Amino acid sequence: MDEGRPPFLALSITRQPPADFSSSPAPASVRTKENQVFAGFHRFNASNGTLDAGLDYQYTRYVYDGIDGRNRDLHRFQFPLRYQGTVSGWNIDASVAPGISTSSNVLKEFFDRISSDDLFATARLEGYRESGSRKWVLGLAYDRAFGRPLVYPIAGVELSPSDALDIRLAFPDPGFRYRWSDRQSLSGRLFPAGHQWHVMTDDFSAEFDYRVEGIRAQLGWSIRLWKAITLDISGGYEFGRKHYLTDDLGVQIESDVDDQWLFLFGLRAGPAPLPFTHGSQL
């Protein structure tokens, strides 16, 4: 199966139990819910390669205990365009994904409340060159994976010690995939899991950037249930967590959050790649 070739659809839900804030005005905790939809619509022929068009949507809900303010419902919509081809002997994998990242109340009055502060875009470029059994990786990314807009390098090597095992040793997202059979596989990944949303208060009188930081280690089992339908079950651990927000009293909270386990359940139809939080598909 040609993984990543549209059309496809991937749905996933992620849950994290309550974790304590370490430095908030009063003892407080947060529970996290994430629902994600990742779809590939069509593949076009492009110069020396292909161009894929799709949709990546994630709903994130932070449920608080001990914070002066309502629970936050946050949305990220992106429309990724992904090019794969060959340029001057390099295999190129590049994407750009414009979109919006905002709070629920802005979406409810979209045409009246949307502003340039809600708009954003991410981009990623990776080049691969084979040398024997190794595939060297060089690239550049611009996104919010580290909790704010940031440009950072990508570098490392990909190995395939056997037909069943692929290993990626690259910054910032090393990982592996082991195929037990045509129907089952095991995969793991370590990656930055941050993001930033533009948030308006309920009465639209104030605004702030809600930022989160964290690193996720995630291990998952995938099994093809029927034809092109695949079930994904993953567990993981998120550490190095920080939240930056403003409560309803106008108090700015910049706090570490305790490390916490997570659980993911997903379904994929067609050759969809595994989705990861906040648009980390590549």
C-alpha atoms as a PDB file:
ATOM      1  CA  MET A   1       0.000   0.000   0.000  1.00  0.00           C
ATOM      2  CA  ASP A   2       1.389   3.389  -1.051  1.00  0.00           C
ATOM      3  CA  GLU A   3       1.233   5.127   2.336  1.00  0.00           C
ATOM      4  CA  GLY A   4       0.406   8.808   2.105  1.00  0.00           C
ATOM      5  CA  ARG A   5      -1.158   8.698  -1.356  1.00  0.00           C
ATOM      6  CA  PRO A   6      -4.580  10.410  -1.460  1.00  0.00           C
ATOM      7  CA  PRO A   7      -7.418   9.786  -1.110  1.00  0.00           C
ATOM      8  CA  PHE A   8      -7.324   8.760   2.554  1.00  0.00           C
ATOM      9  CA  LEU A   9      -8.841   9.631   5.926  1.00  0.00           C
ATOM     10  CA  ALA A  10      -7.427   9.326   9.451  1.00  0.00           C
ATOM     11  CA  LEU A  11      -9.371   9.932  12.683  1.00  0.00           C
ATOM     12  CA  SER A  12      -7.856   9.882  16.170  1.00  0.00           C
ATOM     13  CA  ILE A  13      -8.658  10.778  19.758  1.00  0.00           C
ATOM     14  CA  THR A  14      -6.048  11.354  22.478  1.00  0.00           C
ATOM     15  CA  ARG A  15      -6.634  11.624  26.208  1.00  0.00           C
ATOM     16  CA  GLN A  16      -4.344  12.686  29.062  1.00  0.00           C
ATOM     17  CA  PRO A  17      -5.325  12.420  32.765  1.00  0.00           C
ATOM     18  CA  PRO A  18      -5.082  15.467  35.064  1.00  0.00           C
ATOM     19  CA  ALA A  19      -1.604  16.906  35.641  1.00  0.00           C
ATOM     20  CA  ASP A  20      -0.678  19.585  38.177  1.00  0.00           C
ATOM     21  CA  PHE A  21       0.544  23.094  37.429  1.00  0.00           C
ATOM     22  CA  SER A  22       3.717  23.760  39.407  1.00  0.00           C
ATOM     23  CA  SER A  23       3.465  27.570  39.643  1.00  0.00           C
ATOM     24  CA  SER A  24      -0.077  28.915  39.373  1.00  0.00           C
ATOM     25  CA  PRO A  25      -1.764  31.405  41.759  1.00  0.00           C
ATOM     26  CA  ALA A  26      -3.499  28.478  43.520  1.00  0.00           C
ATOM     27  CA  PRO A  27      -3.190  24.683  43.311  1.00  0.00           C
ATOM     28  CA  ALA A  28      -4.418  23.762  39.837  1.00  0.00           C
ATOM     29  CA  SER A  29      -4.442  20.947  37.312  1.00  0.00           C
ATOM     30  CA  VAL A  30      -5.323  20.399  33.658  1.00  0.00           C
ATOM     31  CA  ARG A  31      -6.786  17.473  31.757  1.00  0.00           C
ATOM     32  CA  THR A  32      -6.243  17.259  27.983  1.00  0.00           C
ATOM     33  CA  LYS A  33      -8.465  16.028  25.165  1.00  0.00           C
ATOM     34  CA  GLU A  34      -7.492  16.014  21.488  1.00  0.00           C
ATOM     35  CA  ASN A  35      -9.573  14.990  18.453  1.00  0.00           C
ATOM     36  CA  GLN A  36      -7.909  15.007  15.052  1.00  0.00           C
ATOM     37  CA  VAL A  37      -8.992  14.571  11.422  1.00  0.00           C
ATOM     38  CA  PHE A  38      -6.368  14.225   8.708  1.00  0.00           C
ATOM     39  CA  ALA A  39      -7.474  13.753   5.104  1.00  0.00           C
ATOM     40  CA  GLY A  40      -5.829  13.554   1.708  1.00  0.00           C
ATOM     41  CA  PHE A  41      -8.071  14.687  -1.141  1.00  0.00           C
ATOM     42  CA  HIS A  42      -6.191  14.340  -4.414  1.00  0.00           C
ATOM     43  CA  ARG A  43      -2.763  13.831  -5.950  1.00  0.00           C
ATOM     44  CA  PHE A  44      -1.694  16.001  -8.886  1.00  0.00           C
ATOM     45  CA  ASN A  45       1.238  15.474 -11.201  1.00  0.00           C
ATOM     46  CA  ALA A  46       3.888  18.161 -10.740  1.00  0.00           C
ATOM     47  CA  SER A  47       7.334  18.919 -12.132  1.00  0.00           C
ATOM     48  CA  ASN A  48       9.419  15.761 -11.565  1.00  0.00           C
ATOM     49  CA  GLY A  49       7.038  14.652  -8.841  1.00  0.00           C
ATOM     50  CA  THR A  50       3.581  14.853  -7.278  1.00  0.00           C
ATOM     51  CA  LEU A  51       1.546  17.396  -5.325  1.00  0.00           C
ATOM     52  CA  ASP A  52      -0.974  16.258  -2.678  1.00  0.00           C
ATOM     53  CA  ALA A  53      -3.789  18.412  -1.276  1.00  0.00           C
ATOM     54  CA  GLY A  54      -5.515  17.723   2.030  1.00  0.00           C
ATOM     55  CA  LEU A  55      -7.017  18.894   5.334  1.00  0.00           C
ATOM     56  CA  ASP A  56      -5.619  18.682   8.872  1.00  0.00           C
ATOM     57  CA  TYR A  57      -7.954  19.651  11.734  1.00  0.00           C
ATOM     58  CA  GLN A  58      -7.405  19.285  15.480  1.00  0.00           C
ATOM     59  CA  TYR A  59      -9.724  20.168  18.348  1.00  0.00           C
ATOM     60  CA  THR A  60      -7.938  20.562  21.696  1.00  0.00           C
ATOM     61  CA  ARG A  61      -9.782  20.956  24.997  1.00  0.00           C
ATOM     62  CA  TYR A  62      -8.069  21.861  28.261  1.00  0.00           C
ATOM     63  CA  VAL A  63     -10.223  21.106  31.319  1.00  0.00           C
ATOM     64  CA  TYR A  64      -9.031  22.902  34.449  1.00  0.00           C
ATOM     65  CA  ASP A  65      -9.361  22.500  38.179  1.00  0.00           C
ATOM     66  CA  GLY A  66      -8.266  25.513  40.245  1.00  0.00           C
ATOM     67  CA  ILE A  67      -7.936  28.026  37.368  1.00  0.00           C
ATOM     68  CA  ASP A  68     -10.075  31.200  37.399  1.00  0.00           C
ATOM     69  CA  GLY A  69     -11.619  30.828  33.984  1.00  0.00           C
ATOM     70  CA  ARG A  70     -13.558  28.539  31.728  1.00  0.00           C
ATOM     71  CA  ASN A  71     -12.130  25.445  30.098  1.00  0.00           C
ATOM     72  CA  ARG A  72     -10.442  26.235  26.798  1.00  0.00           C
ATOM     73  CA  ASP A  73     -11.724  24.875  23.477  1.00  0.00           C
ATOM     74  CA  LEU A  74      -9.058  25.446  20.835  1.00  0.00           C
ATOM     75  CA  HIS A  75      -9.063  24.722  17.116  1.00  0.00           C
ATOM     76  CA  ARG A  76      -6.417  24.309  14.437  1.00  0.00           C
ATOM     77  CA  PHE A  77      -7.429  24.091  10.750  1.00  0.00           C
ATOM     78  CA  GLN A  78      -4.755  23.641   8.086  1.00  0.00           C
ATOM     79  CA  PHE A  79      -4.816  22.873   4.377  1.00  0.00           C
ATOM     80  CA  PRO A  80      -1.510  21.129   3.600  1.00  0.00           C
ATOM     81  CA  LEU A  81       0.050  20.948   0.167  1.00  0.00           C
ATOM     82  CA  ARG A  82       2.796  18.309  -0.064  1.00  0.00           C
ATOM     83  CA  TYR A  83       5.317  17.964  -2.890  1.00  0.00           C
ATOM     84  CA  GLN A  84       7.369  14.790  -3.419  1.00  0.00           C
ATOM     85  CA  GLY A  85       9.844  14.581  -6.246  1.00  0.00           C
ATOM     86  CA  THR A  86      13.449  14.621  -7.379  1.00  0.00           C
ATOM     87  CA  VAL A  87      15.648  17.698  -7.748  1.00  0.00           C
ATOM     88  CA  SER A  88      19.348  17.514  -8.712  1.00  0.00           C
ATOM     89  CA  GLY A  89      19.767  14.001  -7.398  1.00  0.00           C
ATOM     90  CA  TRP A  90      17.944  14.672  -4.119  1.00  0.00           C
ATOM     91  CA  ASN A  91      14.601  13.122  -3.209  1.00  0.00           C
ATOM     92  CA  ILE A  92      12.494  16.016  -1.944  1.00  0.00           C
ATOM     93  CA  ASP A  93       9.612  15.874   0.537  1.00  0.00           C
ATOM     94  CA  ALA A  94       8.196  19.354   1.153  1.00  0.00           C
ATOM     95  CA  SER A  95       4.966  20.754   2.525  1.00  0.00           C
ATOM     96  CA  VAL A  96       3.305  24.077   3.244  1.00  0.00           C
ATOM     97  CA  ALA A  97       0.111  24.292   5.307  1.00  0.00           C
ATOM     98  CA  PRO A  98      -1.757  27.604   5.701  1.00  0.00           C
ATOM     99  CA  GLY A  99      -4.546  27.731   8.254  1.00  0.00           C
ATOM    100  CA  ILE A 100      -6.052  29.233  11.386  1.00  0.00           C
ATOM    101  CA  SER A 101      -5.371  28.566  15.078  1.00  0.00           C
ATOM    102  CA  THR A 102      -7.930  30.098  17.406  1.00  0.00           C
ATOM    103  CA  SER A 103     -10.545  29.680  20.142  1.00  0.00           C
ATOM    104  CA  SER A 104     -14.113  28.418  19.796  1.00  0.00           C
ATOM    105  CA  ASN A 105     -15.813  31.777  20.345  1.00  0.00           C
ATOM    106  CA  VAL A 106     -13.997  33.246  17.325  1.00  0.00           C
ATOM    107  CA  LEU A 107     -15.248  30.383  15.134  1.00  0.00           C
ATOM    108  CA  LYS A 108     -18.832  30.938  16.298  1.00  0.00           C
ATOM    109  CA  GLU A 109     -18.686  34.492  14.881  1.00  0.00           C
ATOM    110  CA  PHE A 110     -16.129  33.696  12.238  1.00  0.00           C
ATOM    111  CA  PHE A 111     -16.725  36.462   9.700  1.00  0.00           C
ATOM    112  CA  ASP A 112     -17.048  39.152  12.383  1.00  0.00           C
ATOM    113  CA  ARG A 113     -14.215  38.074  14.685  1.00  0.00           C
ATOM    114  CA  ILE A 114     -11.526  36.408  12.559  1.00  0.00           C
ATOM    115  CA  SER A 115      -8.361  38.482  12.240  1.00  0.00           C
ATOM    116  CA  SER A 116      -4.835  38.193  10.936  1.00  0.00           C
ATOM    117  CA  ASP A 117      -3.738  37.093  14.430  1.00  0.00           C
ATOM    118  CA  ASP A 118      -5.690  33.859  13.942  1.00  0.00           C
ATOM    119  CA  LEU A 119      -3.949  33.053  10.646  1.00  0.00           C
ATOM    120  CA  PHE A 120      -0.719  31.108  10.459  1.00  0.00           C
ATOM    121  CA  ALA A 121       1.210  28.730   8.225  1.00  0.00           C
ATOM    122  CA  THR A 122       3.758  25.976   8.655  1.00  0.00           C
ATOM    123  CA  ALA A 123       6.343  24.685   6.211  1.00  0.00           C
ATOM    124  CA  ARG A 124       8.775  21.783   6.072  1.00  0.00           C
ATOM    125  CA  LEU A 125      11.440  20.747   3.572  1.00  0.00           C
ATOM    126  CA  GLU A 126      13.394  17.493   3.717  1.00  0.00           C
ATOM    127  CA  GLY A 127      15.960  16.255   1.221  1.00  0.00           C
ATOM    128  CA  TYR A 128      17.154  12.635   1.057  1.00  0.00           C
ATOM    129  CA  ARG A 129      20.281  11.245  -0.556  1.00  0.00           C
ATOM    130  CA  GLU A 130      21.124   7.546  -0.488  1.00  0.00           C
ATOM    131  CA  SER A 131      24.605   6.294   0.346  1.00  0.00           C
ATOM    132  CA  GLY A 132      24.779   2.526   0.435  1.00  0.00           C
ATOM    133  CA  SER A 133      22.214   1.259   2.931  1.00  0.00           C
ATOM    134  CA  ARG A 134      21.862   4.711   4.495  1.00  0.00           C
ATOM    135  CA  LYS A 135      19.603   7.579   3.527  1.00  0.00           C
ATOM    136  CA  TRP A 136      20.924  10.939   4.713  1.00  0.00           C
ATOM    137  CA  VAL A 137      18.340  13.553   5.683  1.00  0.00           C
ATOM    138  CA  LEU A 138      18.763  17.338   5.622  1.00  0.00           C
ATOM    139  CA  GLY A 139      16.048  19.922   5.900  1.00  0.00           C
ATOM    140  CA  LEU A 140      14.426  22.935   7.460  1.00  0.00           C
ATOM    141  CA  ALA A 141      11.088  23.466   9.193  1.00  0.00           C
ATOM    142  CA  TYR A 142       8.983  26.421  10.290  1.00  0.00           C
ATOM    143  CA  ASP A 143       6.128  25.660  12.656  1.00  0.00           C
ATOM    144  CA  ARG A 144       4.903  25.875  16.264  1.00  0.00           C
ATOM    145  CA  ALA A 145       5.993  22.426  17.423  1.00  0.00           C
ATOM    146  CA  PHE A 146       8.220  23.973  20.116  1.00  0.00           C
ATOM    147  CA  GLY A 147       5.397  26.181  21.436  1.00  0.00           C
ATOM    148  CA  ARG A 148       5.948  29.280  19.301  1.00  0.00           C
ATOM    149  CA  PRO A 149       6.716  30.110  15.644  1.00  0.00           C
ATOM    150  CA  LEU A 150      10.249  28.880  15.066  1.00  0.00           C
ATOM    151  CA  VAL A 151      12.616  27.964  12.245  1.00  0.00           C
ATOM    152  CA  TYR A 152      14.798  24.948  13.034  1.00  0.00           C
ATOM    153  CA  PRO A 153      16.993  22.463  11.154  1.00  0.00           C
ATOM    154  CA  ILE A 154      16.313  18.817  10.365  1.00  0.00           C
ATOM    155  CA  ALA A 155      19.288  16.457  10.123  1.00  0.00           C
ATOM    156  CA  GLY A 156      20.003  12.777  10.503  1.00  0.00           C
ATOM    157  CA  VAL A 157      19.966   9.415   8.800  1.00  0.00           C
ATOM    158  CA  GLU A 158      17.373   6.782   7.933  1.00  0.00           C
ATOM    159  CA  LEU A 159      18.250   3.088   8.003  1.00  0.00           C
ATOM    160  CA  SER A 160      16.512  -0.097   6.855  1.00  0.00           C
ATOM    161  CA  PRO A 161      18.381  -3.001   8.493  1.00  0.00           C
ATOM    162  CA  SER A 162      15.778  -5.409   7.095  1.00  0.00           C
ATOM    163  CA  ASP A 163      12.723  -5.383   4.845  1.00  0.00           C
ATOM    164  CA  ALA A 164      10.567  -5.220   7.975  1.00  0.00           C
ATOM    165  CA  LEU A 165      12.343  -2.476   9.937  1.00  0.00           C
ATOM    166  CA  ASP A 166      12.802   1.226   9.177  1.00  0.00           C
ATOM    167  CA  ILE A 167      14.697   3.481  11.601  1.00  0.00           C
ATOM    168  CA  ARG A 168      14.901   7.273  11.572  1.00  0.00           C
ATOM    169  CA  LEU A 169      17.715   8.834  13.614  1.00  0.00           C
ATOM    170  CA  ALA A 170      17.088  12.512  12.954  1.00  0.00           C
ATOM    171  CA  PHE A 171      16.488  15.737  14.878  1.00  0.00           C
ATOM    172  CA  PRO A 172      13.886  16.620  16.057  1.00  0.00           C
ATOM    173  CA  ASP A 173      11.753  13.503  15.521  1.00  0.00           C
ATOM    174  CA  PRO A 174      13.568  10.141  15.633  1.00  0.00           C
ATOM    175  CA  GLY A 175      11.428   7.036  15.294  1.00  0.00           C
ATOM    176  CA  PHE A 176      11.034   3.538  13.909  1.00  0.00           C
ATOM    177  CA  ARG A 177       8.532   1.241  12.269  1.00  0.00           C
ATOM    178  CA  TYR A 178       8.541  -2.549  12.392  1.00  0.00           C
ATOM    179  CA  ARG A 179       6.169  -4.530  10.152  1.00  0.00           C
ATOM    180  CA  TRP A 180       5.255  -7.854  11.747  1.00  0.00           C
ATOM    181  CA  SER A 181       3.194  -8.845   8.737  1.00  0.00           C
ATOM    182  CA  ASP A 182       1.132  -7.386   5.927  1.00  0.00           C
ATOM    183  CA  ARG A 183      -1.563  -6.652   8.518  1.00  0.00           C
ATOM    184  CA  GLN A 184       0.302  -5.544  11.651  1.00  0.00           C
ATOM    185  CA  SER A 185       3.045  -3.067  12.504  1.00  0.00           C
ATOM    186  CA  LEU A 186       4.654  -1.442  15.544  1.00  0.00           C
ATOM    187  CA  SER A 187       5.893   2.146  15.440  1.00  0.00           C
ATOM    188  CA  GLY A 188       7.491   4.597  17.826  1.00  0.00           C
ATOM    189  CA  ARG A 189       8.395   8.265  17.697  1.00  0.00           C
ATOM    190  CA  LEU A 190       9.896  11.008  19.879  1.00  0.00           C
ATOM    191  CA  PHE A 191       8.812  14.485  18.790  1.00  0.00           C
ATOM    192  CA  PRO A 192       8.035  18.053  19.967  1.00  0.00           C
ATOM    193  CA  ALA A 193       4.313  18.394  20.740  1.00  0.00           C
ATOM    194  CA  GLY A 194       3.812  22.117  21.318  1.00  0.00           C
ATOM    195  CA  HIS A 195       1.529  24.664  19.691  1.00  0.00           C
ATOM    196  CA  GLN A 196       0.254  28.249  19.949  1.00  0.00           C
ATOM    197  CA  TRP A 197      -3.310  29.558  19.542  1.00  0.00           C
ATOM    198  CA  HIS A 198      -4.680  33.107  19.407  1.00  0.00           C
ATOM    199  CA  VAL A 199      -7.423  33.282  22.076  1.00  0.00           C
ATOM    200  CA  MET A 200     -10.175  35.835  22.711  1.00  0.00           C
ATOM    201  CA  THR A 201     -11.987  36.120  26.047  1.00  0.00           C
ATOM    202  CA  ASP A 202     -15.719  35.371  26.102  1.00  0.00           C
ATOM    203  CA  ASP A 203     -16.696  39.059  25.814  1.00  0.00           C
ATOM    204  CA  PHE A 204     -13.984  39.717  23.189  1.00  0.00           C
ATOM    205  CA  SER A 205     -12.548  42.492  25.366  1.00  0.00           C
ATOM    206  CA  ALA A 206      -9.107  40.898  25.690  1.00  0.00           C
ATOM    207  CA  GLU A 207      -6.855  38.503  23.827  1.00  0.00           C
ATOM    208  CA  PHE A 208      -3.729  36.479  24.431  1.00  0.00           C
ATOM    209  CA  ASP A 209      -1.588  33.739  22.903  1.00  0.00           C
ATOM    210  CA  TYR A 210      -2.113  30.362  24.515  1.00  0.00           C
ATOM    211  CA  ARG A 211       1.163  28.458  24.247  1.00  0.00           C
ATOM    212  CA  VAL A 212       2.017  24.882  25.204  1.00  0.00           C
ATOM    213  CA  GLU A 213       5.345  23.074  25.135  1.00  0.00           C
ATOM    214  CA  GLY A 214       6.137  19.406  25.523  1.00  0.00           C
ATOM    215  CA  ILE A 215       7.973  16.399  24.143  1.00  0.00           C
ATOM    216  CA  ARG A 216       6.075  13.192  23.425  1.00  0.00           C
ATOM    217  CA  ALA A 217       7.407   9.649  23.332  1.00  0.00           C
ATOM    218  CA  GLN A 218       4.739   7.572  21.603  1.00  0.00           C
ATOM    219  CA  LEU A 219       4.537   3.848  20.856  1.00  0.00           C
ATOM    220  CA  GLY A 220       1.748   2.387  18.767  1.00  0.00           C
ATOM    221  CA  TRP A 221       0.359  -0.820  17.342  1.00  0.00           C
ATOM    222  CA  SER A 222      -1.511  -0.809  14.015  1.00  0.00           C
ATOM    223  CA  ILE A 223      -3.611  -3.621  12.607  1.00  0.00           C
ATOM    224  CA  ARG A 224      -5.428  -3.711   9.284  1.00  0.00           C
ATOM    225  CA  LEU A 225      -8.956  -4.820  10.119  1.00  0.00           C
ATOM    226  CA  TRP A 226     -10.507  -5.106   6.702  1.00  0.00           C
ATOM    227  CA  LYS A 227      -9.218  -4.158   3.263  1.00  0.00           C
ATOM    228  CA  ALA A 228      -8.071  -0.516   3.679  1.00  0.00           C
ATOM    229  CA  ILE A 229      -9.344   0.013   7.268  1.00  0.00           C
ATOM    230  CA  THR A 230      -6.617   0.202   9.936  1.00  0.00           C
ATOM    231  CA  LEU A 231      -6.937   0.426  13.717  1.00  0.00           C
ATOM    232  CA  ASP A 232      -4.271   2.359  15.666  1.00  0.00           C
ATOM    233  CA  ILE A 233      -3.766   2.015  19.409  1.00  0.00           C
ATOM    234  CA  SER A 234      -0.964   4.072  20.969  1.00  0.00           C
ATOM    235  CA  GLY A 235       0.350   4.914  24.391  1.00  0.00           C
ATOM    236  CA  GLY A 236       2.871   7.532  25.286  1.00  0.00           C
ATOM    237  CA  TYR A 237       4.429   9.866  27.785  1.00  0.00           C
ATOM    238  CA  GLU A 238       4.710  13.643  27.543  1.00  0.00           C
ATOM    239  CA  PHE A 239       7.421  15.490  29.454  1.00  0.00           C
ATOM    240  CA  GLY A 240       8.995  18.949  29.520  1.00  0.00           C
ATOM    241  CA  ARG A 241       5.467  20.372  29.602  1.00  0.00           C
ATOM    242  CA  LYS A 242       4.701  24.090  29.999  1.00  0.00           C
ATOM    243  CA  HIS A 243       1.523  26.148  29.638  1.00  0.00           C
ATOM    244  CA  TYR A 244       1.395  29.903  29.011  1.00  0.00           C
ATOM    245  CA  LEU A 245      -2.082  31.439  29.337  1.00  0.00           C
ATOM    246  CA  THR A 246      -4.112  34.270  30.892  1.00  0.00           C
ATOM    247  CA  ASP A 247      -7.027  33.494  33.198  1.00  0.00           C
ATOM    248  CA  ASP A 248     -10.340  35.376  33.303  1.00  0.00           C
ATOM    249  CA  LEU A 249      -9.001  37.735  35.983  1.00  0.00           C
ATOM    250  CA  GLY A 250      -6.194  38.842  33.683  1.00  0.00           C
ATOM    251  CA  VAL A 251      -3.520  36.933  35.600  1.00  0.00           C
ATOM    252  CA  GLN A 252      -0.783  35.593  33.348  1.00  0.00           C
ATOM    253  CA  ILE A 253       0.150  31.995  34.118  1.00  0.00           C
ATOM    254  CA  GLU A 254       3.492  30.644  32.979  1.00  0.00           C
ATOM    255  CA  SER A 255       3.923  27.272  34.565  1.00  0.00           C
ATOM    256  CA  ASP A 256       5.516  23.883  34.202  1.00  0.00           C
ATOM    257  CA  VAL A 257       2.968  21.072  34.099  1.00  0.00           C
ATOM    258  CA  ASP A 258       3.673  17.612  35.481  1.00  0.00           C
ATOM    259  CA  ASP A 259       4.701  14.889  33.054  1.00  0.00           C
ATOM    260  CA  GLN A 260       1.800  12.665  32.101  1.00  0.00           C
ATOM    261  CA  TRP A 261       0.836   9.514  30.221  1.00  0.00           C
ATOM    262  CA  LEU A 262      -1.411   9.631  27.169  1.00  0.00           C
ATOM    263  CA  PHE A 263      -3.586   7.201  25.244  1.00  0.00           C
ATOM    264  CA  LEU A 264      -4.557   7.389  21.563  1.00  0.00           C
ATOM    265  CA  PHE A 265      -7.175   5.485  19.585  1.00  0.00           C
ATOM    266  CA  GLY A 266      -7.489   5.950  15.834  1.00  0.00           C
ATOM    267  CA  LEU A 267      -8.929   4.619  12.586  1.00  0.00           C
ATOM    268  CA  ARG A 268      -7.513   5.076   9.108  1.00  0.00           C
ATOM    269  CA  ALA A 269      -9.211   4.507   5.754  1.00  0.00           C
ATOM    270  CA  GLY A 270      -6.978   4.144   2.728  1.00  0.00           C
ATOM    271  CA  PRO A 271      -3.192   4.644   2.731  1.00  0.00           C
ATOM    272  CA  ALA A 272      -3.209   7.361   5.405  1.00  0.00           C
ATOM    273  CA  PRO A 273       0.018   8.010   7.318  1.00  0.00           C
ATOM    274  CA  LEU A 274      -0.075   7.922  11.105  1.00  0.00           C
ATOM    275  CA  PRO A 275      -1.310  11.317  12.398  1.00  0.00           C
ATOM    276  CA  PHE A 276       0.522  12.991  15.273  1.00  0.00           C
ATOM    277  CA  THR A 277      -0.603  15.920  17.395  1.00  0.00           C
ATOM    278  CA  HIS A 278      -0.519  19.461  15.976  1.00  0.00           C
ATOM    279  CA  GLY A 279       0.184  18.450  12.406  1.00  0.00           C
ATOM    280  CA  SER A 280       3.415  16.465  12.776  1.00  0.00           C
ATOM    281  CA  GLN A 281       2.722  14.051   9.909  1.00  0.00           C
ATOM    282  CA  LEU A 282       6.023  14.047   8.031  1.00  0.00           C
END
